[in-house]
Amino acid sequence: MIIVNIHEAKTNLSKLLQEVMHGQEVIIAKAGVPIAVIKPIEAKKPKRIFGSMKGEIWVSDNFDDPLSDEDLDLWYNGDIFPKEK
């Protein structure tokens, strides 16, 4: 973090902006009291493009078929939901 007074900020703005571009925050102070902060802008997250994963995800044809008795027994009585002791 860099703290500068107003005069120094005006005189060295280009240099201070270079520091900001490298991730530093610059605080501008008046009579030793901080009045403003210059900091890097966070990069925007790219928008998700509908359909961009087409062909990348595979779903079984029977993914929503009822579970077998064995699978149901494992689901309700297996270690996934251990009975409290």
PDB file of N, CA and C in Angstrom:
ATOM      1  N   MET A   1       0.858  -1.166   0.000  1.00  0.00           N
ATOM      2  CA  MET A   1       0.000   0.000   0.000  1.00  0.00           C
ATOM      3  C   MET A   1       0.909   1.234   0.000  1.00  0.00           C
ATOM      4  N   ILE A   2       0.586   2.167  -0.847  1.00  0.00           N
ATOM      5  CA  ILE A   2       1.357   3.401  -0.977  1.00  0.00           C
ATOM      6  C   ILE A   2       0.472   4.552  -0.517  1.00  0.00           C
ATOM      7  N   ILE A   3       1.026   5.423   0.323  1.00  0.00           N
ATOM      8  CA  ILE A   3       0.282   6.600   0.788  1.00  0.00           C
ATOM      9  C   ILE A   3       1.016   7.841   0.295  1.00  0.00           C
ATOM     10  N   VAL A   4       0.285   8.709  -0.400  1.00  0.00           N
ATOM     11  CA  VAL A   4       0.880   9.945  -0.927  1.00  0.00           C
ATOM     12  C   VAL A   4      -0.055  11.117  -0.654  1.00  0.00           C
ATOM     13  N   ASN A   5       0.543  12.322  -0.621  1.00  0.00           N
ATOM     14  CA  ASN A   5      -0.308  13.504  -0.475  1.00  0.00           C
ATOM     15  C   ASN A   5      -0.800  13.935  -1.855  1.00  0.00           C
ATOM     16  N   ILE A   6      -1.703  14.887  -1.889  1.00  0.00           N
ATOM     17  CA  ILE A   6      -2.334  15.302  -3.146  1.00  0.00           C
ATOM     18  C   ILE A   6      -1.297  15.819  -4.137  1.00  0.00           C
ATOM     19  N   HIS A   7      -0.382  16.652  -3.683  1.00  0.00           N
ATOM     20  CA  HIS A   7       0.637  17.214  -4.582  1.00  0.00           C
ATOM     21  C   HIS A   7       1.483  16.099  -5.192  1.00  0.00           C
ATOM     22  N   GLU A   8       1.921  15.167  -4.360  1.00  0.00           N
ATOM     23  CA  GLU A   8       2.730  14.052  -4.857  1.00  0.00           C
ATOM     24  C   GLU A   8       1.930  13.194  -5.842  1.00  0.00           C
ATOM     25  N   ALA A   9       0.641  13.005  -5.574  1.00  0.00           N
ATOM     26  CA  ALA A   9      -0.207  12.226  -6.476  1.00  0.00           C
ATOM     27  C   ALA A   9      -0.319  12.910  -7.836  1.00  0.00           C
ATOM     28  N   LYS A  10      -0.499  14.244  -7.833  1.00  0.00           N
ATOM     29  CA  LYS A  10      -0.590  14.973  -9.104  1.00  0.00           C
ATOM     30  C   LYS A  10       0.731  14.908  -9.852  1.00  0.00           C
ATOM     31  N   THR A  11       1.824  15.048  -9.141  1.00  0.00           N
ATOM     32  CA  THR A  11       3.143  15.069  -9.765  1.00  0.00           C
ATOM     33  C   THR A  11       3.521  13.708 -10.341  1.00  0.00           C
ATOM     34  N   ASN A  12       3.153  12.644  -9.651  1.00  0.00           N
ATOM     35  CA  ASN A  12       3.606  11.301 -10.025  1.00  0.00           C
ATOM     36  C   ASN A  12       2.466  10.369 -10.437  1.00  0.00           C
ATOM     37  N   LEU A  13       1.399  10.929 -10.978  1.00  0.00           N
ATOM     38  CA  LEU A  13       0.229  10.116 -11.293  1.00  0.00           C
ATOM     39  C   LEU A  13       0.563   8.934 -12.199  1.00  0.00           C
ATOM     40  N   SER A  14       1.345   9.151 -13.233  1.00  0.00           N
ATOM     41  CA  SER A  14       1.676   8.058 -14.159  1.00  0.00           C
ATOM     42  C   SER A  14       2.407   6.931 -13.438  1.00  0.00           C
ATOM     43  N   LYS A  15       3.362   7.292 -12.586  1.00  0.00           N
ATOM     44  CA  LYS A  15       4.113   6.274 -11.837  1.00  0.00           C
ATOM     45  C   LYS A  15       3.196   5.537 -10.860  1.00  0.00           C
ATOM     46  N   LEU A  16       2.317   6.280 -10.212  1.00  0.00           N
ATOM     47  CA  LEU A  16       1.399   5.653  -9.267  1.00  0.00           C
ATOM     48  C   LEU A  16       0.439   4.702  -9.985  1.00  0.00           C
ATOM     49  N   LEU A  17      -0.009   5.095 -11.164  1.00  0.00           N
ATOM     50  CA  LEU A  17      -0.897   4.218 -11.930  1.00  0.00           C
ATOM     51  C   LEU A  17      -0.175   2.943 -12.371  1.00  0.00           C
ATOM     52  N   GLN A  18       1.111   3.049 -12.640  1.00  0.00           N
ATOM     53  CA  GLN A  18       1.897   1.847 -12.951  1.00  0.00           C
ATOM     54  C   GLN A  18       1.906   0.895 -11.754  1.00  0.00           C
ATOM     55  N   GLU A  19       2.045   1.463 -10.561  1.00  0.00           N
ATOM     56  CA  GLU A  19       2.010   0.642  -9.342  1.00  0.00           C
ATOM     57  C   GLU A  19       0.640  -0.024  -9.183  1.00  0.00           C
ATOM     58  N   VAL A  20      -0.412   0.725  -9.476  1.00  0.00           N
ATOM     59  CA  VAL A  20      -1.766   0.170  -9.394  1.00  0.00           C
ATOM     60  C   VAL A  20      -1.917  -0.977 -10.392  1.00  0.00           C
ATOM     61  N   MET A  21      -1.375  -0.807 -11.581  1.00  0.00           N
ATOM     62  CA  MET A  21      -1.447  -1.854 -12.597  1.00  0.00           C
ATOM     63  C   MET A  21      -0.727  -3.123 -12.149  1.00  0.00           C
ATOM     64  N   HIS A  22       0.216  -2.978 -11.223  1.00  0.00           N
ATOM     65  CA  HIS A  22       0.946  -4.134 -10.696  1.00  0.00           C
ATOM     66  C   HIS A  22       0.338  -4.639  -9.387  1.00  0.00           C
ATOM     67  N   GLY A  23      -0.869  -4.191  -9.065  1.00  0.00           N
ATOM     68  CA  GLY A  23      -1.590  -4.729  -7.923  1.00  0.00           C
ATOM     69  C   GLY A  23      -1.534  -3.911  -6.644  1.00  0.00           C
ATOM     70  N   GLN A  24      -0.789  -2.822  -6.628  1.00  0.00           N
ATOM     71  CA  GLN A  24      -0.687  -1.992  -5.426  1.00  0.00           C
ATOM     72  C   GLN A  24      -1.919  -1.103  -5.270  1.00  0.00           C
ATOM     73  N   GLU A  25      -2.244  -0.786  -4.031  1.00  0.00           N
ATOM     74  CA  GLU A  25      -3.264   0.223  -3.761  1.00  0.00           C
ATOM     75  C   GLU A  25      -2.549   1.515  -3.400  1.00  0.00           C
ATOM     76  N   VAL A  26      -3.077   2.626  -3.879  1.00  0.00           N
ATOM     77  CA  VAL A  26      -2.511   3.938  -3.581  1.00  0.00           C
ATOM     78  C   VAL A  26      -3.558   4.724  -2.803  1.00  0.00           C
ATOM     79  N   ILE A  27      -3.156   5.210  -1.644  1.00  0.00           N
ATOM     80  CA  ILE A  27      -4.045   6.041  -0.834  1.00  0.00           C
ATOM     81  C   ILE A  27      -3.579   7.481  -0.971  1.00  0.00           C
ATOM     82  N   ILE A  28      -4.516   8.364  -1.293  1.00  0.00           N
ATOM     83  CA  ILE A  28      -4.213   9.793  -1.387  1.00  0.00           C
ATOM     84  C   ILE A  28      -4.713  10.444  -0.109  1.00  0.00           C
ATOM     85  N   ALA A  29      -3.820  11.215   0.511  1.00  0.00           N
ATOM     86  CA  ALA A  29      -4.147  11.833   1.795  1.00  0.00           C
ATOM     87  C   ALA A  29      -4.050  13.348   1.695  1.00  0.00           C
ATOM     88  N   LYS A  30      -4.822  14.019   2.534  1.00  0.00           N
ATOM     89  CA  LYS A  30      -4.761  15.474   2.655  1.00  0.00           C
ATOM     90  C   LYS A  30      -4.464  15.767   4.120  1.00  0.00           C
ATOM     91  N   ALA A  31      -3.348  16.415   4.350  1.00  0.00           N
ATOM     92  CA  ALA A  31      -2.891  16.713   5.713  1.00  0.00           C
ATOM     93  C   ALA A  31      -2.790  15.434   6.544  1.00  0.00           C
ATOM     94  N   GLY A  32      -2.335  14.348   5.892  1.00  0.00           N
ATOM     95  CA  GLY A  32      -2.144  13.085   6.589  1.00  0.00           C
ATOM     96  C   GLY A  32      -3.399  12.258   6.786  1.00  0.00           C
ATOM     97  N   VAL A  33      -4.540  12.773   6.328  1.00  0.00           N
ATOM     98  CA  VAL A  33      -5.807  12.053   6.485  1.00  0.00           C
ATOM     99  C   VAL A  33      -6.191  11.438   5.134  1.00  0.00           C
ATOM    100  N   PRO A  34      -6.338  10.114   5.070  1.00  0.00           N
ATOM    101  CA  PRO A  34      -6.705   9.468   3.802  1.00  0.00           C
ATOM    102  C   PRO A  34      -8.054   9.979   3.292  1.00  0.00           C
ATOM    103  N   ILE A  35      -8.080  10.318   1.999  1.00  0.00           N
ATOM    104  CA  ILE A  35      -9.333  10.810   1.412  1.00  0.00           C
ATOM    105  C   ILE A  35      -9.771  10.003   0.190  1.00  0.00           C
ATOM    106  N   ALA A  36      -8.850   9.234  -0.403  1.00  0.00           N
ATOM    107  CA  ALA A  36      -9.208   8.470  -1.600  1.00  0.00           C
ATOM    108  C   ALA A  36      -8.280   7.271  -1.741  1.00  0.00           C
ATOM    109  N   VAL A  37      -8.785   6.276  -2.446  1.00  0.00           N
ATOM    110  CA  VAL A  37      -8.000   5.078  -2.728  1.00  0.00           C
ATOM    111  C   VAL A  37      -8.048   4.825  -4.228  1.00  0.00           C
ATOM    112  N   ILE A  38      -6.893   4.547  -4.799  1.00  0.00           N
ATOM    113  CA  ILE A  38      -6.826   4.095  -6.191  1.00  0.00           C
ATOM    114  C   ILE A  38      -6.388   2.643  -6.121  1.00  0.00           C
ATOM    115  N   LYS A  39      -7.205   1.764  -6.679  1.00  0.00           N
ATOM    116  CA  LYS A  39      -6.868   0.345  -6.624  1.00  0.00           C
ATOM    117  C   LYS A  39      -7.216  -0.314  -7.946  1.00  0.00           C
ATOM    118  N   PRO A  40      -6.605  -1.475  -8.202  1.00  0.00           N
ATOM    119  CA  PRO A  40      -6.889  -2.163  -9.462  1.00  0.00           C
ATOM    120  C   PRO A  40      -8.359  -2.570  -9.547  1.00  0.00           C
ATOM    121  N   ILE A  41      -8.885  -2.531 -10.742  1.00  0.00           N
ATOM    122  CA  ILE A  41     -10.250  -2.994 -10.982  1.00  0.00           C
ATOM    123  C   ILE A  41     -10.197  -4.507 -11.107  1.00  0.00           C
ATOM    124  N   GLU A  42     -11.103  -5.184 -10.407  1.00  0.00           N
ATOM    125  CA  GLU A  42     -11.164  -6.636 -10.501  1.00  0.00           C
ATOM    126  C   GLU A  42     -11.657  -7.025 -11.889  1.00  0.00           C
ATOM    127  N   ALA A  43     -11.010  -8.024 -12.438  1.00  0.00           N
ATOM    128  CA  ALA A  43     -11.406  -8.498 -13.762  1.00  0.00           C
ATOM    129  C   ALA A  43     -12.820  -9.064 -13.699  1.00  0.00           C
ATOM    130  N   LYS A  44     -13.610  -8.743 -14.699  1.00  0.00           N
ATOM    131  CA  LYS A  44     -14.969  -9.274 -14.756  1.00  0.00           C
ATOM    132  C   LYS A  44     -14.911 -10.754 -15.100  1.00  0.00           C
ATOM    133  N   LYS A  45     -15.796 -11.498 -14.468  1.00  0.00           N
ATOM    134  CA  LYS A  45     -15.897 -12.911 -14.796  1.00  0.00           C
ATOM    135  C   LYS A  45     -16.528 -13.023 -16.179  1.00  0.00           C
ATOM    136  N   PRO A  46     -15.988 -13.893 -17.007  1.00  0.00           N
ATOM    137  CA  PRO A  46     -16.593 -14.041 -18.334  1.00  0.00           C
ATOM    138  C   PRO A  46     -18.010 -14.596 -18.214  1.00  0.00           C
ATOM    139  N   LYS A  47     -18.877 -14.112 -19.082  1.00  0.00           N
ATOM    140  CA  LYS A  47     -20.251 -14.603 -19.088  1.00  0.00           C
ATOM    141  C   LYS A  47     -20.266 -16.047 -19.568  1.00  0.00           C
ATOM    142  N   ARG A  48     -21.163 -16.799 -18.978  1.00  0.00           N
ATOM    143  CA  ARG A  48     -21.332 -18.174 -19.422  1.00  0.00           C
ATOM    144  C   ARG A  48     -22.083 -18.169 -20.752  1.00  0.00           C
ATOM    145  N   ILE A  49     -21.591 -18.925 -21.677  1.00  0.00           N
ATOM    146  CA  ILE A  49     -22.214 -18.990 -22.995  1.00  0.00           C
ATOM    147  C   ILE A  49     -23.091 -20.233 -23.050  1.00  0.00           C
ATOM    148  N   PHE A  50     -24.390 -20.011 -23.253  1.00  0.00           N
ATOM    149  CA  PHE A  50     -25.340 -21.118 -23.306  1.00  0.00           C
ATOM    150  C   PHE A  50     -24.934 -22.091 -24.402  1.00  0.00           C
ATOM    151  N   GLY A  51     -24.857 -23.349 -24.040  1.00  0.00           N
ATOM    152  CA  GLY A  51     -24.537 -24.386 -25.012  1.00  0.00           C
ATOM    153  C   GLY A  51     -23.057 -24.631 -25.196  1.00  0.00           C
ATOM    154  N   SER A  52     -22.213 -23.941 -24.440  1.00  0.00           N
ATOM    155  CA  SER A  52     -20.772 -24.086 -24.644  1.00  0.00           C
ATOM    156  C   SER A  52     -20.250 -25.460 -24.223  1.00  0.00           C
ATOM    157  N   MET A  53     -21.002 -26.191 -23.422  1.00  0.00           N
ATOM    158  CA  MET A  53     -20.582 -27.532 -23.003  1.00  0.00           C
ATOM    159  C   MET A  53     -21.278 -28.633 -23.805  1.00  0.00           C
ATOM    160  N   LYS A  54     -21.974 -28.248 -24.871  1.00  0.00           N
ATOM    161  CA  LYS A  54     -22.689 -29.228 -25.685  1.00  0.00           C
ATOM    162  C   LYS A  54     -21.702 -30.285 -26.187  1.00  0.00           C
ATOM    163  N   GLY A  55     -22.069 -31.534 -25.990  1.00  0.00           N
ATOM    164  CA  GLY A  55     -21.217 -32.634 -26.423  1.00  0.00           C
ATOM    165  C   GLY A  55     -20.147 -33.008 -25.409  1.00  0.00           C
ATOM    166  N   GLU A  56     -20.009 -32.232 -24.344  1.00  0.00           N
ATOM    167  CA  GLU A  56     -18.987 -32.494 -23.332  1.00  0.00           C
ATOM    168  C   GLU A  56     -19.539 -33.273 -22.144  1.00  0.00           C
ATOM    169  N   ILE A  57     -20.839 -33.280 -21.980  1.00  0.00           N
ATOM    170  CA  ILE A  57     -21.462 -33.938 -20.835  1.00  0.00           C
ATOM    171  C   ILE A  57     -22.309 -35.091 -21.347  1.00  0.00           C
ATOM    172  N   TRP A  58     -22.144 -36.229 -20.713  1.00  0.00           N
ATOM    173  CA  TRP A  58     -22.888 -37.413 -21.112  1.00  0.00           C
ATOM    174  C   TRP A  58     -23.804 -37.818 -19.973  1.00  0.00           C
ATOM    175  N   VAL A  59     -25.052 -38.090 -20.279  1.00  0.00           N
ATOM    176  CA  VAL A  59     -26.027 -38.549 -19.298  1.00  0.00           C
ATOM    177  C   VAL A  59     -26.580 -39.880 -19.794  1.00  0.00           C
ATOM    178  N   SER A  60     -26.527 -40.862 -18.926  1.00  0.00           N
ATOM    179  CA  SER A  60     -27.029 -42.193 -19.264  1.00  0.00           C
ATOM    180  C   SER A  60     -28.512 -42.121 -19.621  1.00  0.00           C
ATOM    181  N   ASP A  61     -28.925 -42.946 -20.552  1.00  0.00           N
ATOM    182  CA  ASP A  61     -30.336 -42.971 -20.952  1.00  0.00           C
ATOM    183  C   ASP A  61     -31.255 -43.365 -19.802  1.00  0.00           C
ATOM    184  N   ASN A  62     -30.726 -44.099 -18.832  1.00  0.00           N
ATOM    185  CA  ASN A  62     -31.568 -44.569 -17.736  1.00  0.00           C
ATOM    186  C   ASN A  62     -31.245 -43.853 -16.415  1.00  0.00           C
ATOM    187  N   PHE A  63     -30.732 -42.655 -16.482  1.00  0.00           N
ATOM    188  CA  PHE A  63     -30.311 -41.967 -15.259  1.00  0.00           C
ATOM    189  C   PHE A  63     -31.469 -41.721 -14.296  1.00  0.00           C
ATOM    190  N   ASP A  64     -32.674 -41.633 -14.806  1.00  0.00           N
ATOM    191  CA  ASP A  64     -33.810 -41.354 -13.927  1.00  0.00           C
ATOM    192  C   ASP A  64     -34.699 -42.583 -13.690  1.00  0.00           C
ATOM    193  N   ASP A  65     -34.186 -43.760 -14.056  1.00  0.00           N
ATOM    194  CA  ASP A  65     -34.924 -44.993 -13.750  1.00  0.00           C
ATOM    195  C   ASP A  65     -34.937 -45.211 -12.238  1.00  0.00           C
ATOM    196  N   PRO A  66     -35.964 -45.889 -11.744  1.00  0.00           N
ATOM    197  CA  PRO A  66     -35.995 -46.185 -10.305  1.00  0.00           C
ATOM    198  C   PRO A  66     -34.771 -47.002  -9.894  1.00  0.00           C
ATOM    199  N   LEU A  67     -34.320 -46.775  -8.664  1.00  0.00           N
ATOM    200  CA  LEU A  67     -33.179 -47.524  -8.152  1.00  0.00           C
ATOM    201  C   LEU A  67     -33.592 -48.954  -7.844  1.00  0.00           C
ATOM    202  N   SER A  68     -32.637 -49.857  -7.982  1.00  0.00           N
ATOM    203  CA  SER A  68     -32.908 -51.257  -7.641  1.00  0.00           C
ATOM    204  C   SER A  68     -33.055 -51.373  -6.124  1.00  0.00           C
ATOM    205  N   ASP A  69     -33.628 -52.495  -5.680  1.00  0.00           N
ATOM    206  CA  ASP A  69     -33.778 -52.719  -4.238  1.00  0.00           C
ATOM    207  C   ASP A  69     -32.417 -52.691  -3.543  1.00  0.00           C
ATOM    208  N   GLU A  70     -31.424 -53.254  -4.208  1.00  0.00           N
ATOM    209  CA  GLU A  70     -30.070 -53.263  -3.630  1.00  0.00           C
ATOM    210  C   GLU A  70     -29.534 -51.836  -3.477  1.00  0.00           C
ATOM    211  N   ASP A  71     -29.710 -51.017  -4.512  1.00  0.00           N
ATOM    212  CA  ASP A  71     -29.245 -49.627  -4.441  1.00  0.00           C
ATOM    213  C   ASP A  71     -30.018 -48.833  -3.394  1.00  0.00           C
ATOM    214  N   LEU A  72     -31.330 -49.065  -3.312  1.00  0.00           N
ATOM    215  CA  LEU A  72     -32.126 -48.379  -2.291  1.00  0.00           C
ATOM    216  C   LEU A  72     -31.670 -48.763  -0.891  1.00  0.00           C
ATOM    217  N   ASP A  73     -31.372 -50.051  -0.700  1.00  0.00           N
ATOM    218  CA  ASP A  73     -30.883 -50.510   0.597  1.00  0.00           C
ATOM    219  C   ASP A  73     -29.557 -49.832   0.931  1.00  0.00           C
ATOM    220  N   LEU A  74     -28.659 -49.753  -0.044  1.00  0.00           N
ATOM    221  CA  LEU A  74     -27.382 -49.066   0.189  1.00  0.00           C
ATOM    222  C   LEU A  74     -27.603 -47.583   0.482  1.00  0.00           C
ATOM    223  N   TRP A  75     -28.547 -46.978  -0.219  1.00  0.00           N
ATOM    224  CA  TRP A  75     -28.818 -45.547  -0.040  1.00  0.00           C
ATOM    225  C   TRP A  75     -29.318 -45.247   1.373  1.00  0.00           C
ATOM    226  N   TYR A  76     -30.309 -46.008   1.811  1.00  0.00           N
ATOM    227  CA  TYR A  76     -30.920 -45.719   3.107  1.00  0.00           C
ATOM    228  C   TYR A  76     -30.215 -46.380   4.288  1.00  0.00           C
ATOM    229  N   ASN A  77     -29.535 -47.482   4.047  1.00  0.00           N
ATOM    230  CA  ASN A  77     -28.924 -48.214   5.154  1.00  0.00           C
ATOM    231  C   ASN A  77     -27.405 -48.290   5.064  1.00  0.00           C
ATOM    232  N   GLY A  78     -26.840 -47.724   4.014  1.00  0.00           N
ATOM    233  CA  GLY A  78     -25.393 -47.779   3.844  1.00  0.00           C
ATOM    234  C   GLY A  78     -24.690 -46.698   4.661  1.00  0.00           C
ATOM    235  N   ASP A  79     -23.395 -46.590   4.449  1.00  0.00           N
ATOM    236  CA  ASP A  79     -22.574 -45.644   5.208  1.00  0.00           C
ATOM    237  C   ASP A  79     -22.845 -44.191   4.854  1.00  0.00           C
ATOM    238  N   ILE A  80     -23.552 -43.946   3.762  1.00  0.00           N
ATOM    239  CA  ILE A  80     -23.818 -42.559   3.383  1.00  0.00           C
ATOM    240  C   ILE A  80     -24.692 -41.868   4.426  1.00  0.00           C
ATOM    241  N   PHE A  81     -25.609 -42.613   5.044  1.00  0.00           N
ATOM    242  CA  PHE A  81     -26.438 -42.095   6.131  1.00  0.00           C
ATOM    243  C   PHE A  81     -26.279 -43.004   7.349  1.00  0.00           C
ATOM    244  N   PRO A  82     -25.137 -42.959   8.027  1.00  0.00           N
ATOM    245  CA  PRO A  82     -24.956 -43.856   9.168  1.00  0.00           C
ATOM    246  C   PRO A  82     -25.958 -43.535  10.269  1.00  0.00           C
ATOM    247  N   LYS A  83     -26.428 -44.580  10.907  1.00  0.00           N
ATOM    248  CA  LYS A  83     -27.373 -44.396  12.009  1.00  0.00           C
ATOM    249  C   LYS A  83     -26.628 -43.822  13.207  1.00  0.00           C
ATOM    250  N   GLU A  84     -27.262 -42.873  13.859  1.00  0.00           N
ATOM    251  CA  GLU A  84     -26.637 -42.278  15.040  1.00  0.00           C
ATOM    252  C   GLU A  84     -26.633 -43.291  16.163  1.00  0.00           C
ATOM    253  N   LYS A  85     -25.559 -43.270  16.932  1.00  0.00           N
ATOM    254  CA  LYS A  85     -25.430 -44.216  18.050  1.00  0.00           C
ATOM    255  C   LYS A  85     -25.699 -43.538  19.356  1.00  0.00           C
TER     256      LYS A  85
END
